[in-house]
């Protein structure tokens, strides 16, 4: 194939892609801001009305309150396989990389305790 022929073919291909892309219209019409209700106007329902067990929901909420993290609000972390954890707290200028430890949760409890006390 000659260079001229290849250049012509590539030009036709690019023009065809550009025409298809220009004519494409998204099937979803944008409705910016319509997904969320107005501020302070959230719909409220009882747990039974949406098919949830109210006792189990309250138990889950109480469990989360009892096990709430003691980490600083500015801290964040990532947990990987095998007990690998990265803990970052910019307010304390702290980066901890904890690798391959079965006691990683206990170790991080100590780290958090040290920086919050």
PDB file of N, CA and C in Angstrom:
ATOM      1  N   UNK A   1       0.852  -1.174   0.000  1.00  0.00           N
ATOM      2  CA  UNK A   1       0.000   0.000   0.000  1.00  0.00           C
ATOM      3  C   UNK A   1       0.898   1.237   0.000  1.00  0.00           C
ATOM      4  N   UNK A   2       0.589   2.170  -0.842  1.00  0.00           N
ATOM      5  CA  UNK A   2       1.427   3.363  -0.944  1.00  0.00           C
ATOM      6  C   UNK A   2       1.107   4.318   0.190  1.00  0.00           C
ATOM      7  N   UNK A   3       2.025   5.227   0.412  1.00  0.00           N
ATOM      8  CA  UNK A   3       1.841   6.215   1.490  1.00  0.00           C
ATOM      9  C   UNK A   3       0.630   7.098   1.243  1.00  0.00           C
ATOM     10  N   UNK A   4       0.398   7.462   0.014  1.00  0.00           N
ATOM     11  CA  UNK A   4      -0.732   8.322  -0.315  1.00  0.00           C
ATOM     12  C   UNK A   4      -2.047   7.613  -0.009  1.00  0.00           C
ATOM     13  N   UNK A   5      -2.105   6.356  -0.388  1.00  0.00           N
ATOM     14  CA  UNK A   5      -3.313   5.585  -0.144  1.00  0.00           C
ATOM     15  C   UNK A   5      -3.562   5.409   1.358  1.00  0.00           C
ATOM     16  N   UNK A   6      -2.486   5.140   2.135  1.00  0.00           N
ATOM     17  CA  UNK A   6      -2.593   4.979   3.573  1.00  0.00           C
ATOM     18  C   UNK A   6      -3.046   6.292   4.228  1.00  0.00           C
ATOM     19  N   UNK A   7      -2.486   7.400   3.800  1.00  0.00           N
ATOM     20  CA  UNK A   7      -2.883   8.697   4.343  1.00  0.00           C
ATOM     21  C   UNK A   7      -4.348   8.980   4.044  1.00  0.00           C
ATOM     22  N   UNK A   8      -4.809   8.665   2.841  1.00  0.00           N
ATOM     23  CA  UNK A   8      -6.204   8.878   2.472  1.00  0.00           C
ATOM     24  C   UNK A   8      -7.123   8.002   3.314  1.00  0.00           C
ATOM     25  N   UNK A   9      -6.765   6.746   3.506  1.00  0.00           N
ATOM     26  CA  UNK A   9      -7.572   5.844   4.316  1.00  0.00           C
ATOM     27  C   UNK A   9      -7.666   6.324   5.760  1.00  0.00           C
ATOM     28  N   UNK A  10      -6.548   6.745   6.333  1.00  0.00           N
ATOM     29  CA  UNK A  10      -6.547   7.251   7.700  1.00  0.00           C
ATOM     30  C   UNK A  10      -7.391   8.527   7.827  1.00  0.00           C
ATOM     31  N   UNK A  11      -7.303   9.387   6.851  1.00  0.00           N
ATOM     32  CA  UNK A  11      -8.093  10.615   6.877  1.00  0.00           C
ATOM     33  C   UNK A  11      -9.583  10.291   6.844  1.00  0.00           C
ATOM     34  N   UNK A  12      -9.974   9.365   5.980  1.00  0.00           N
ATOM     35  CA  UNK A  12     -11.388   8.966   5.896  1.00  0.00           C
ATOM     36  C   UNK A  12     -11.846   8.356   7.221  1.00  0.00           C
ATOM     37  N   UNK A  13     -11.002   7.525   7.830  1.00  0.00           N
ATOM     38  CA  UNK A  13     -11.360   6.900   9.103  1.00  0.00           C
ATOM     39  C   UNK A  13     -11.554   7.954  10.198  1.00  0.00           C
ATOM     40  N   UNK A  14     -10.639   8.911  10.272  1.00  0.00           N
ATOM     41  CA  UNK A  14     -10.755   9.969  11.282  1.00  0.00           C
ATOM     42  C   UNK A  14     -11.993  10.830  11.069  1.00  0.00           C
ATOM     43  N   UNK A  15     -12.292  11.153   9.818  1.00  0.00           N
ATOM     44  CA  UNK A  15     -13.483  11.955   9.512  1.00  0.00           C
ATOM     45  C   UNK A  15     -14.747  11.178   9.883  1.00  0.00           C
ATOM     46  N   UNK A  16     -14.767   9.880   9.588  1.00  0.00           N
ATOM     47  CA  UNK A  16     -15.934   9.060   9.915  1.00  0.00           C
ATOM     48  C   UNK A  16     -16.147   9.008  11.427  1.00  0.00           C
ATOM     49  N   UNK A  17     -15.074   8.825  12.192  1.00  0.00           N
ATOM     50  CA  UNK A  17     -15.192   8.798  13.657  1.00  0.00           C
ATOM     51  C   UNK A  17     -15.669  10.153  14.166  1.00  0.00           C
ATOM     52  N   UNK A  18     -15.142  11.233  13.621  1.00  0.00           N
ATOM     53  CA  UNK A  18     -15.554  12.573  14.053  1.00  0.00           C
ATOM     54  C   UNK A  18     -17.028  12.823  13.749  1.00  0.00           C
ATOM     55  N   UNK A  19     -17.509  12.369  12.585  1.00  0.00           N
ATOM     56  CA  UNK A  19     -18.914  12.560  12.233  1.00  0.00           C
ATOM     57  C   UNK A  19     -19.833  11.744  13.132  1.00  0.00           C
ATOM     58  N   UNK A  20     -19.430  10.519  13.425  1.00  0.00           N
ATOM     59  CA  UNK A  20     -20.239   9.679  14.314  1.00  0.00           C
ATOM     60  C   UNK A  20     -20.281  10.298  15.707  1.00  0.00           C
ATOM     61  N   UNK A  21     -19.133  10.755  16.198  1.00  0.00           N
ATOM     62  CA  UNK A  21     -19.073  11.354  17.536  1.00  0.00           C
ATOM     63  C   UNK A  21     -19.883  12.646  17.595  1.00  0.00           C
ATOM     64  N   UNK A  22     -19.862  13.422  16.548  1.00  0.00           N
ATOM     65  CA  UNK A  22     -20.603  14.686  16.537  1.00  0.00           C
ATOM     66  C   UNK A  22     -22.107  14.449  16.501  1.00  0.00           C
ATOM     67  N   UNK A  23     -22.526  13.361  15.843  1.00  0.00           N
ATOM     68  CA  UNK A  23     -23.950  13.077  15.736  1.00  0.00           C
ATOM     69  C   UNK A  23     -24.501  12.296  16.910  1.00  0.00           C
ATOM     70  N   UNK A  24     -23.642  11.805  17.769  1.00  0.00           N
ATOM     71  CA  UNK A  24     -24.090  11.000  18.903  1.00  0.00           C
ATOM     72  C   UNK A  24     -24.748  11.882  19.944  1.00  0.00           C
ATOM     73  N   UNK A  25     -25.904  11.470  20.415  1.00  0.00           N
ATOM     74  CA  UNK A  25     -26.594  12.184  21.483  1.00  0.00           C
ATOM     75  C   UNK A  25     -26.793  11.219  22.624  1.00  0.00           C
ATOM     76  N   UNK A  26     -26.440  11.665  23.790  1.00  0.00           N
ATOM     77  CA  UNK A  26     -26.574  10.813  24.970  1.00  0.00           C
ATOM     78  C   UNK A  26     -28.047  10.505  25.215  1.00  0.00           C
ATOM     79  N   UNK A  27     -28.379   9.232  25.528  1.00  0.00           N
ATOM     80  CA  UNK A  27     -29.776   8.893  25.804  1.00  0.00           C
ATOM     81  C   UNK A  27     -30.269   9.471  27.126  1.00  0.00           C
ATOM     82  N   UNK A  28     -29.344   9.869  27.996  1.00  0.00           N
ATOM     83  CA  UNK A  28     -29.716  10.422  29.295  1.00  0.00           C
ATOM     84  C   UNK A  28     -29.630  11.939  29.212  1.00  0.00           C
ATOM     85  N   UNK A  29     -30.720  12.588  29.449  1.00  0.00           N
ATOM     86  CA  UNK A  29     -30.732  14.049  29.436  1.00  0.00           C
ATOM     87  C   UNK A  29     -30.243  14.562  30.778  1.00  0.00           C
ATOM     88  N   UNK A  30     -29.373  15.522  30.763  1.00  0.00           N
ATOM     89  CA  UNK A  30     -28.823  16.077  32.000  1.00  0.00           C
ATOM     90  C   UNK A  30     -29.861  16.873  32.776  1.00  0.00           C
ATOM     91  N   UNK A  31     -29.993  16.531  34.047  1.00  0.00           N
ATOM     92  CA  UNK A  31     -30.884  17.278  34.933  1.00  0.00           C
ATOM     93  C   UNK A  31     -30.073  17.646  36.164  1.00  0.00           C
ATOM     94  N   UNK A  32     -29.234  18.622  36.026  1.00  0.00           N
ATOM     95  CA  UNK A  32     -28.338  19.008  37.109  1.00  0.00           C
ATOM     96  C   UNK A  32     -29.119  19.434  38.341  1.00  0.00           C
ATOM     97  N   UNK A  33     -28.778  18.824  39.464  1.00  0.00           N
ATOM     98  CA  UNK A  33     -29.362  19.211  40.735  1.00  0.00           C
ATOM     99  C   UNK A  33     -30.723  18.619  41.029  1.00  0.00           C
ATOM    100  N   UNK A  34     -31.313  17.869  40.107  1.00  0.00           N
ATOM    101  CA  UNK A  34     -32.661  17.356  40.333  1.00  0.00           C
ATOM    102  C   UNK A  34     -32.664  16.061  41.134  1.00  0.00           C
ATOM    103  N   UNK A  35     -31.497  15.442  41.313  1.00  0.00           N
ATOM    104  CA  UNK A  35     -31.442  14.162  42.007  1.00  0.00           C
ATOM    105  C   UNK A  35     -31.717  14.310  43.496  1.00  0.00           C
ATOM    106  N   UNK A  36     -31.182  15.344  44.109  1.00  0.00           N
ATOM    107  CA  UNK A  36     -31.334  15.545  45.542  1.00  0.00           C
ATOM    108  C   UNK A  36     -32.475  16.507  45.840  1.00  0.00           C
ATOM    109  N   UNK A  37     -33.177  16.239  46.923  1.00  0.00           N
ATOM    110  CA  UNK A  37     -34.251  17.173  47.305  1.00  0.00           C
ATOM    111  C   UNK A  37     -33.650  18.470  47.830  1.00  0.00           C
ATOM    112  N   UNK A  38     -34.466  19.492  47.961  1.00  0.00           N
ATOM    113  CA  UNK A  38     -33.949  20.754  48.491  1.00  0.00           C
ATOM    114  C   UNK A  38     -33.366  20.557  49.889  1.00  0.00           C
ATOM    115  N   UNK A  39     -32.463  21.416  50.253  1.00  0.00           N
ATOM    116  CA  UNK A  39     -31.811  21.338  51.562  1.00  0.00           C
ATOM    117  C   UNK A  39     -32.851  21.370  52.685  1.00  0.00           C
ATOM    118  N   UNK A  40     -32.633  20.559  53.693  1.00  0.00           N
ATOM    119  CA  UNK A  40     -33.507  20.454  54.870  1.00  0.00           C
ATOM    120  C   UNK A  40     -34.927  20.019  54.521  1.00  0.00           C
ATOM    121  N   UNK A  41     -35.099  19.355  53.382  1.00  0.00           N
ATOM    122  CA  UNK A  41     -36.422  18.902  52.988  1.00  0.00           C
ATOM    123  C   UNK A  41     -36.362  17.429  52.569  1.00  0.00           C
ATOM    124  N   UNK A  42     -35.642  16.615  53.363  1.00  0.00           N
ATOM    125  CA  UNK A  42     -35.505  15.203  53.057  1.00  0.00           C
ATOM    126  C   UNK A  42     -36.772  14.460  53.446  1.00  0.00           C
ATOM    127  N   UNK A  43     -37.127  13.505  52.622  1.00  0.00           N
ATOM    128  CA  UNK A  43     -38.289  12.676  52.910  1.00  0.00           C
ATOM    129  C   UNK A  43     -37.941  11.730  54.057  1.00  0.00           C
ATOM    130  N   UNK A  44     -38.832  11.599  55.009  1.00  0.00           N
ATOM    131  CA  UNK A  44     -38.604  10.721  56.155  1.00  0.00           C
ATOM    132  C   UNK A  44     -39.608   9.575  56.132  1.00  0.00           C
ATOM    133  N   UNK A  45     -39.088   8.357  56.364  1.00  0.00           N
ATOM    134  CA  UNK A  45     -39.940   7.178  56.405  1.00  0.00           C
ATOM    135  C   UNK A  45     -39.526   6.307  57.577  1.00  0.00           C
ATOM    136  N   UNK A  46     -40.460   5.542  58.073  1.00  0.00           N
ATOM    137  CA  UNK A  46     -40.151   4.583  59.123  1.00  0.00           C
ATOM    138  C   UNK A  46     -39.497   3.371  58.476  1.00  0.00           C
ATOM    139  N   UNK A  47     -38.658   2.683  59.255  1.00  0.00           N
ATOM    140  CA  UNK A  47     -37.929   1.536  58.709  1.00  0.00           C
ATOM    141  C   UNK A  47     -38.874   0.464  58.173  1.00  0.00           C
ATOM    142  N   UNK A  48     -39.989   0.243  58.834  1.00  0.00           N
ATOM    143  CA  UNK A  48     -40.947  -0.775  58.387  1.00  0.00           C
ATOM    144  C   UNK A  48     -41.566  -0.414  57.032  1.00  0.00           C
ATOM    145  N   UNK A  49     -41.693   0.890  56.758  1.00  0.00           N
ATOM    146  CA  UNK A  49     -42.286   1.333  55.498  1.00  0.00           C
ATOM    147  C   UNK A  49     -41.429   0.975  54.287  1.00  0.00           C
ATOM    148  N   UNK A  50     -40.119   0.788  54.501  1.00  0.00           N
ATOM    149  CA  UNK A  50     -39.223   0.447  53.386  1.00  0.00           C
ATOM    150  C   UNK A  50     -38.721  -0.988  53.488  1.00  0.00           C
ATOM    151  N   UNK A  51     -39.388  -1.800  54.310  1.00  0.00           N
ATOM    152  CA  UNK A  51     -39.067  -3.216  54.392  1.00  0.00           C
ATOM    153  C   UNK A  51     -37.880  -3.555  55.277  1.00  0.00           C
ATOM    154  N   UNK A  52     -37.530  -2.687  56.220  1.00  0.00           N
ATOM    155  CA  UNK A  52     -36.407  -2.957  57.119  1.00  0.00           C
ATOM    156  C   UNK A  52     -36.920  -3.285  58.514  1.00  0.00           C
ATOM    157  N   UNK A  53     -36.164  -4.112  59.208  1.00  0.00           N
ATOM    158  CA  UNK A  53     -36.481  -4.467  60.585  1.00  0.00           C
ATOM    159  C   UNK A  53     -35.944  -3.364  61.488  1.00  0.00           C
ATOM    160  N   UNK A  54     -36.832  -2.640  62.149  1.00  0.00           N
ATOM    161  CA  UNK A  54     -36.435  -1.510  62.985  1.00  0.00           C
ATOM    162  C   UNK A  54     -35.517  -1.901  64.123  1.00  0.00           C
ATOM    163  N   UNK A  55     -35.720  -3.058  64.739  1.00  0.00           N
ATOM    164  CA  UNK A  55     -34.878  -3.506  65.848  1.00  0.00           C
ATOM    165  C   UNK A  55     -33.455  -3.789  65.366  1.00  0.00           C
ATOM    166  N   UNK A  56     -33.339  -4.426  64.196  1.00  0.00           N
ATOM    167  CA  UNK A  56     -32.005  -4.717  63.655  1.00  0.00           C
ATOM    168  C   UNK A  56     -31.298  -3.425  63.238  1.00  0.00           C
ATOM    169  N   UNK A  57     -32.040  -2.495  62.679  1.00  0.00           N
ATOM    170  CA  UNK A  57     -31.461  -1.213  62.291  1.00  0.00           C
ATOM    171  C   UNK A  57     -30.951  -0.466  63.520  1.00  0.00           C
ATOM    172  N   UNK A  58     -31.748  -0.413  64.568  1.00  0.00           N
ATOM    173  CA  UNK A  58     -31.314   0.258  65.800  1.00  0.00           C
ATOM    174  C   UNK A  58     -30.108  -0.447  66.419  1.00  0.00           C
ATOM    175  N   UNK A  59     -30.083  -1.781  66.361  1.00  0.00           N
ATOM    176  CA  UNK A  59     -28.937  -2.527  66.882  1.00  0.00           C
ATOM    177  C   UNK A  59     -27.668  -2.185  66.093  1.00  0.00           C
ATOM    178  N   UNK A  60     -27.796  -2.066  64.783  1.00  0.00           N
ATOM    179  CA  UNK A  60     -26.641  -1.713  63.949  1.00  0.00           C
ATOM    180  C   UNK A  60     -26.152  -0.304  64.263  1.00  0.00           C
ATOM    181  N   UNK A  61     -27.073   0.618  64.466  1.00  0.00           N
ATOM    182  CA  UNK A  61     -26.699   1.999  64.795  1.00  0.00           C
ATOM    183  C   UNK A  61     -25.995   2.047  66.147  1.00  0.00           C
ATOM    184  N   UNK A  62     -26.523   1.329  67.119  1.00  0.00           N
ATOM    185  CA  UNK A  62     -25.897   1.307  68.453  1.00  0.00           C
ATOM    186  C   UNK A  62     -24.515   0.657  68.402  1.00  0.00           C
ATOM    187  N   UNK A  63     -24.379  -0.401  67.587  1.00  0.00           N
ATOM    188  CA  UNK A  63     -23.075  -1.048  67.425  1.00  0.00           C
ATOM    189  C   UNK A  63     -22.056  -0.054  66.869  1.00  0.00           C
ATOM    190  N   UNK A  64     -22.466   0.682  65.838  1.00  0.00           N
ATOM    191  CA  UNK A  64     -21.549   1.653  65.229  1.00  0.00           C
ATOM    192  C   UNK A  64     -21.189   2.773  66.198  1.00  0.00           C
ATOM    193  N   UNK A  65     -22.133   3.216  66.993  1.00  0.00           N
ATOM    194  CA  UNK A  65     -21.839   4.249  67.996  1.00  0.00           C
ATOM    195  C   UNK A  65     -20.831   3.730  69.015  1.00  0.00           C
ATOM    196  N   UNK A  66     -20.993   2.474  69.428  1.00  0.00           N
ATOM    197  CA  UNK A  66     -20.093   1.893  70.432  1.00  0.00           C
ATOM    198  C   UNK A  66     -18.698   1.628  69.867  1.00  0.00           C
ATOM    199  N   UNK A  67     -18.596   1.435  68.560  1.00  0.00           N
ATOM    200  CA  UNK A  67     -17.312   1.111  67.938  1.00  0.00           C
ATOM    201  C   UNK A  67     -16.806   2.239  67.038  1.00  0.00           C
ATOM    202  N   UNK A  68     -17.228   3.433  67.322  1.00  0.00           N
ATOM    203  CA  UNK A  68     -16.806   4.571  66.509  1.00  0.00           C
ATOM    204  C   UNK A  68     -15.296   4.763  66.619  1.00  0.00           C
ATOM    205  N   UNK A  69     -14.688   5.166  65.538  1.00  0.00           N
ATOM    206  CA  UNK A  69     -13.239   5.326  65.517  1.00  0.00           C
ATOM    207  C   UNK A  69     -12.786   6.460  66.434  1.00  0.00           C
ATOM    208  N   UNK A  70     -11.605   6.281  66.976  1.00  0.00           N
ATOM    209  CA  UNK A  70     -11.016   7.342  67.798  1.00  0.00           C
ATOM    210  C   UNK A  70      -9.948   8.094  67.010  1.00  0.00           C
ATOM    211  N   UNK A  71      -9.813   7.758  65.726  1.00  0.00           N
ATOM    212  CA  UNK A  71      -8.826   8.446  64.884  1.00  0.00           C
ATOM    213  C   UNK A  71      -9.198   9.911  64.735  1.00  0.00           C
ATOM    214  N   UNK A  72      -8.203  10.780  64.563  1.00  0.00           N
ATOM    215  CA  UNK A  72      -8.499  12.190  64.312  1.00  0.00           C
ATOM    216  C   UNK A  72      -9.327  12.347  63.033  1.00  0.00           C
ATOM    217  N   UNK A  73     -10.119  13.376  62.964  1.00  0.00           N
ATOM    218  CA  UNK A  73     -10.992  13.601  61.807  1.00  0.00           C
ATOM    219  C   UNK A  73     -10.210  13.817  60.521  1.00  0.00           C
ATOM    220  N   UNK A  74      -8.967  14.283  60.631  1.00  0.00           N
ATOM    221  CA  UNK A  74      -8.157  14.543  59.433  1.00  0.00           C
ATOM    222  C   UNK A  74      -7.449  13.301  58.918  1.00  0.00           C
ATOM    223  N   UNK A  75      -7.495  12.204  59.675  1.00  0.00           N
ATOM    224  CA  UNK A  75      -6.765  10.991  59.304  1.00  0.00           C
ATOM    225  C   UNK A  75      -7.549  10.136  58.326  1.00  0.00           C
ATOM    226  N   UNK A  76      -6.827   9.395  57.527  1.00  0.00           N
ATOM    227  CA  UNK A  76      -7.446   8.424  56.635  1.00  0.00           C
ATOM    228  C   UNK A  76      -6.496   7.249  56.467  1.00  0.00           C
ATOM    229  N   UNK A  77      -7.023   6.130  55.985  1.00  0.00           N
ATOM    230  CA  UNK A  77      -6.195   4.935  55.877  1.00  0.00           C
ATOM    231  C   UNK A  77      -6.654   4.066  54.720  1.00  0.00           C
ATOM    232  N   UNK A  78      -5.794   3.118  54.374  1.00  0.00           N
ATOM    233  CA  UNK A  78      -6.117   2.121  53.358  1.00  0.00           C
ATOM    234  C   UNK A  78      -5.683   0.775  53.900  1.00  0.00           C
ATOM    235  N   UNK A  79      -6.515  -0.245  53.705  1.00  0.00           N
ATOM    236  CA  UNK A  79      -6.224  -1.582  54.205  1.00  0.00           C
ATOM    237  C   UNK A  79      -6.081  -2.520  53.014  1.00  0.00           C
ATOM    238  N   UNK A  80      -5.006  -3.298  53.023  1.00  0.00           N
ATOM    239  CA  UNK A  80      -4.771  -4.242  51.942  1.00  0.00           C
ATOM    240  C   UNK A  80      -4.755  -5.670  52.442  1.00  0.00           C
ATOM    241  N   UNK A  81      -4.416  -6.572  51.569  1.00  0.00           N
ATOM    242  CA  UNK A  81      -4.388  -7.992  51.901  1.00  0.00           C
ATOM    243  C   UNK A  81      -3.257  -8.296  52.886  1.00  0.00           C
ATOM    244  N   UNK A  82      -3.467  -9.285  53.729  1.00  0.00           N
ATOM    245  CA  UNK A  82      -2.413  -9.735  54.629  1.00  0.00           C
ATOM    246  C   UNK A  82      -2.158  -8.820  55.810  1.00  0.00           C
ATOM    247  N   UNK A  83      -3.059  -7.905  56.096  1.00  0.00           N
ATOM    248  CA  UNK A  83      -2.855  -7.024  57.238  1.00  0.00           C
ATOM    249  C   UNK A  83      -2.045  -5.783  56.920  1.00  0.00           C
ATOM    250  N   UNK A  84      -1.823  -5.484  55.640  1.00  0.00           N
ATOM    251  CA  UNK A  84      -1.096  -4.271  55.267  1.00  0.00           C
ATOM    252  C   UNK A  84      -2.001  -3.056  55.434  1.00  0.00           C
ATOM    253  N   UNK A  85      -1.500  -2.049  56.124  1.00  0.00           N
ATOM    254  CA  UNK A  85      -2.295  -0.837  56.357  1.00  0.00           C
ATOM    255  C   UNK A  85      -1.406   0.387  56.148  1.00  0.00           C
ATOM    256  N   UNK A  86      -1.990   1.397  55.523  1.00  0.00           N
ATOM    257  CA  UNK A  86      -1.344   2.704  55.422  1.00  0.00           C
ATOM    258  C   UNK A  86      -2.238   3.676  56.171  1.00  0.00           C
ATOM    259  N   UNK A  87      -1.672   4.408  57.097  1.00  0.00           N
ATOM    260  CA  UNK A  87      -2.413   5.355  57.925  1.00  0.00           C
ATOM    261  C   UNK A  87      -1.766   6.722  57.746  1.00  0.00           C
ATOM    262  N   UNK A  88      -2.556   7.725  57.392  1.00  0.00           N
ATOM    263  CA  UNK A  88      -2.038   9.070  57.142  1.00  0.00           C
ATOM    264  C   UNK A  88      -2.833  10.061  57.974  1.00  0.00           C
ATOM    265  N   UNK A  89      -2.112  10.891  58.707  1.00  0.00           N
ATOM    266  CA  UNK A  89      -2.751  11.959  59.481  1.00  0.00           C
ATOM    267  C   UNK A  89      -1.989  13.252  59.242  1.00  0.00           C
ATOM    268  N   UNK A  90      -2.459  14.067  58.290  1.00  0.00           N
ATOM    269  CA  UNK A  90      -1.755  15.308  57.970  1.00  0.00           C
ATOM    270  C   UNK A  90      -1.655  16.283  59.148  1.00  0.00           C
ATOM    271  N   UNK A  91      -2.655  16.291  60.028  1.00  0.00           N
ATOM    272  CA  UNK A  91      -2.614  17.253  61.138  1.00  0.00           C
ATOM    273  C   UNK A  91      -1.487  16.946  62.116  1.00  0.00           C
ATOM    274  N   UNK A  92      -1.029  15.695  62.160  1.00  0.00           N
ATOM    275  CA  UNK A  92       0.093  15.321  63.021  1.00  0.00           C
ATOM    276  C   UNK A  92       1.364  15.055  62.216  1.00  0.00           C
ATOM    277  N   UNK A  93       1.317  15.357  60.908  1.00  0.00           N
ATOM    278  CA  UNK A  93       2.443  15.126  60.010  1.00  0.00           C
ATOM    279  C   UNK A  93       2.933  13.681  60.148  1.00  0.00           C
ATOM    280  N   UNK A  94       1.997  12.740  60.025  1.00  0.00           N
ATOM    281  CA  UNK A  94       2.276  11.346  60.321  1.00  0.00           C
ATOM    282  C   UNK A  94       1.884  10.435  59.165  1.00  0.00           C
ATOM    283  N   UNK A  95       2.789   9.533  58.814  1.00  0.00           N
ATOM    284  CA  UNK A  95       2.529   8.474  57.845  1.00  0.00           C
ATOM    285  C   UNK A  95       3.034   7.173  58.453  1.00  0.00           C
ATOM    286  N   UNK A  96       2.153   6.190  58.575  1.00  0.00           N
ATOM    287  CA  UNK A  96       2.525   4.881  59.115  1.00  0.00           C
ATOM    288  C   UNK A  96       2.205   3.830  58.061  1.00  0.00           C
ATOM    289  N   UNK A  97       3.187   2.996  57.763  1.00  0.00           N
ATOM    290  CA  UNK A  97       2.975   1.861  56.870  1.00  0.00           C
ATOM    291  C   UNK A  97       3.180   0.608  57.710  1.00  0.00           C
ATOM    292  N   UNK A  98       2.133  -0.167  57.870  1.00  0.00           N
ATOM    293  CA  UNK A  98       2.152  -1.366  58.714  1.00  0.00           C
ATOM    294  C   UNK A  98       2.006  -2.560  57.786  1.00  0.00           C
ATOM    295  N   UNK A  99       3.018  -3.450  57.768  1.00  0.00           N
ATOM    296  CA  UNK A  99       3.021  -4.540  56.798  1.00  0.00           C
ATOM    297  C   UNK A  99       2.965  -5.905  57.441  1.00  0.00           C
ATOM    298  N   UNK A 100       2.158  -6.766  56.890  1.00  0.00           N
ATOM    299  CA  UNK A 100       2.112  -8.190  57.180  1.00  0.00           C
ATOM    300  C   UNK A 100       2.097  -8.494  58.672  1.00  0.00           C
ATOM    301  N   UNK A 101       1.092  -7.996  59.338  1.00  0.00           N
ATOM    302  CA  UNK A 101       1.000  -8.233  60.774  1.00  0.00           C
ATOM    303  C   UNK A 101      -0.396  -8.712  61.139  1.00  0.00           C
ATOM    304  N   UNK A 102      -0.441  -9.784  61.887  1.00  0.00           N
ATOM    305  CA  UNK A 102      -1.736 -10.288  62.359  1.00  0.00           C
ATOM    306  C   UNK A 102      -2.302  -9.378  63.435  1.00  0.00           C
ATOM    307  N   UNK A 103      -1.450  -8.586  64.087  1.00  0.00           N
ATOM    308  CA  UNK A 103      -1.886  -7.689  65.155  1.00  0.00           C
ATOM    309  C   UNK A 103      -1.986  -6.240  64.670  1.00  0.00           C
ATOM    310  N   UNK A 104      -2.255  -6.027  63.392  1.00  0.00           N
ATOM    311  CA  UNK A 104      -2.258  -4.665  62.856  1.00  0.00           C
ATOM    312  C   UNK A 104      -3.301  -3.778  63.518  1.00  0.00           C
ATOM    313  N   UNK A 105      -4.476  -4.315  63.843  1.00  0.00           N
ATOM    314  CA  UNK A 105      -5.500  -3.471  64.463  1.00  0.00           C
ATOM    315  C   UNK A 105      -5.062  -3.026  65.859  1.00  0.00           C
ATOM    316  N   UNK A 106      -4.415  -3.902  66.614  1.00  0.00           N
ATOM    317  CA  UNK A 106      -3.920  -3.530  67.943  1.00  0.00           C
ATOM    318  C   UNK A 106      -2.802  -2.494  67.824  1.00  0.00           C
ATOM    319  N   UNK A 107      -1.936  -2.686  66.853  1.00  0.00           N
ATOM    320  CA  UNK A 107      -0.847  -1.717  66.648  1.00  0.00           C
ATOM    321  C   UNK A 107      -1.369  -0.347  66.293  1.00  0.00           C
ATOM    322  N   UNK A 108      -2.354  -0.291  65.426  1.00  0.00           N
ATOM    323  CA  UNK A 108      -2.905   1.004  65.060  1.00  0.00           C
ATOM    324  C   UNK A 108      -3.723   1.619  66.177  1.00  0.00           C
ATOM    325  N   UNK A 109      -4.327   0.799  67.000  1.00  0.00           N
ATOM    326  CA  UNK A 109      -5.008   1.337  68.178  1.00  0.00           C
ATOM    327  C   UNK A 109      -4.006   2.079  69.045  1.00  0.00           C
ATOM    328  N   UNK A 110      -2.808   1.529  69.176  1.00  0.00           N
ATOM    329  CA  UNK A 110      -1.760   2.180  69.968  1.00  0.00           C
ATOM    330  C   UNK A 110      -1.270   3.466  69.316  1.00  0.00           C
ATOM    331  N   UNK A 111      -1.132   3.454  67.996  1.00  0.00           N
ATOM    332  CA  UNK A 111      -0.712   4.670  67.287  1.00  0.00           C
ATOM    333  C   UNK A 111      -1.729   5.778  67.478  1.00  0.00           C
ATOM    334  N   UNK A 112      -3.002   5.458  67.271  1.00  0.00           N
ATOM    335  CA  UNK A 112      -4.065   6.452  67.428  1.00  0.00           C
ATOM    336  C   UNK A 112      -4.113   6.950  68.852  1.00  0.00           C
ATOM    337  N   UNK A 113      -3.977   6.044  69.808  1.00  0.00           N
ATOM    338  CA  UNK A 113      -3.982   6.431  71.213  1.00  0.00           C
ATOM    339  C   UNK A 113      -2.828   7.387  71.517  1.00  0.00           C
ATOM    340  N   UNK A 114      -1.672   7.147  70.927  1.00  0.00           N
ATOM    341  CA  UNK A 114      -0.501   7.994  71.175  1.00  0.00           C
ATOM    342  C   UNK A 114      -0.687   9.397  70.607  1.00  0.00           C
ATOM    343  N   UNK A 115      -1.322   9.522  69.447  1.00  0.00           N
ATOM    344  CA  UNK A 115      -1.440  10.861  68.854  1.00  0.00           C
ATOM    345  C   UNK A 115      -2.675  11.622  69.336  1.00  0.00           C
ATOM    346  N   UNK A 116      -3.636  10.924  69.946  1.00  0.00           N
ATOM    347  CA  UNK A 116      -4.837  11.626  70.413  1.00  0.00           C
ATOM    348  C   UNK A 116      -4.810  11.907  71.901  1.00  0.00           C
ATOM    349  N   UNK A 117      -3.854  11.351  72.625  1.00  0.00           N
ATOM    350  CA  UNK A 117      -3.831  11.597  74.075  1.00  0.00           C
ATOM    351  C   UNK A 117      -2.884  12.724  74.431  1.00  0.00           C
TER     352      UNK A 117
END
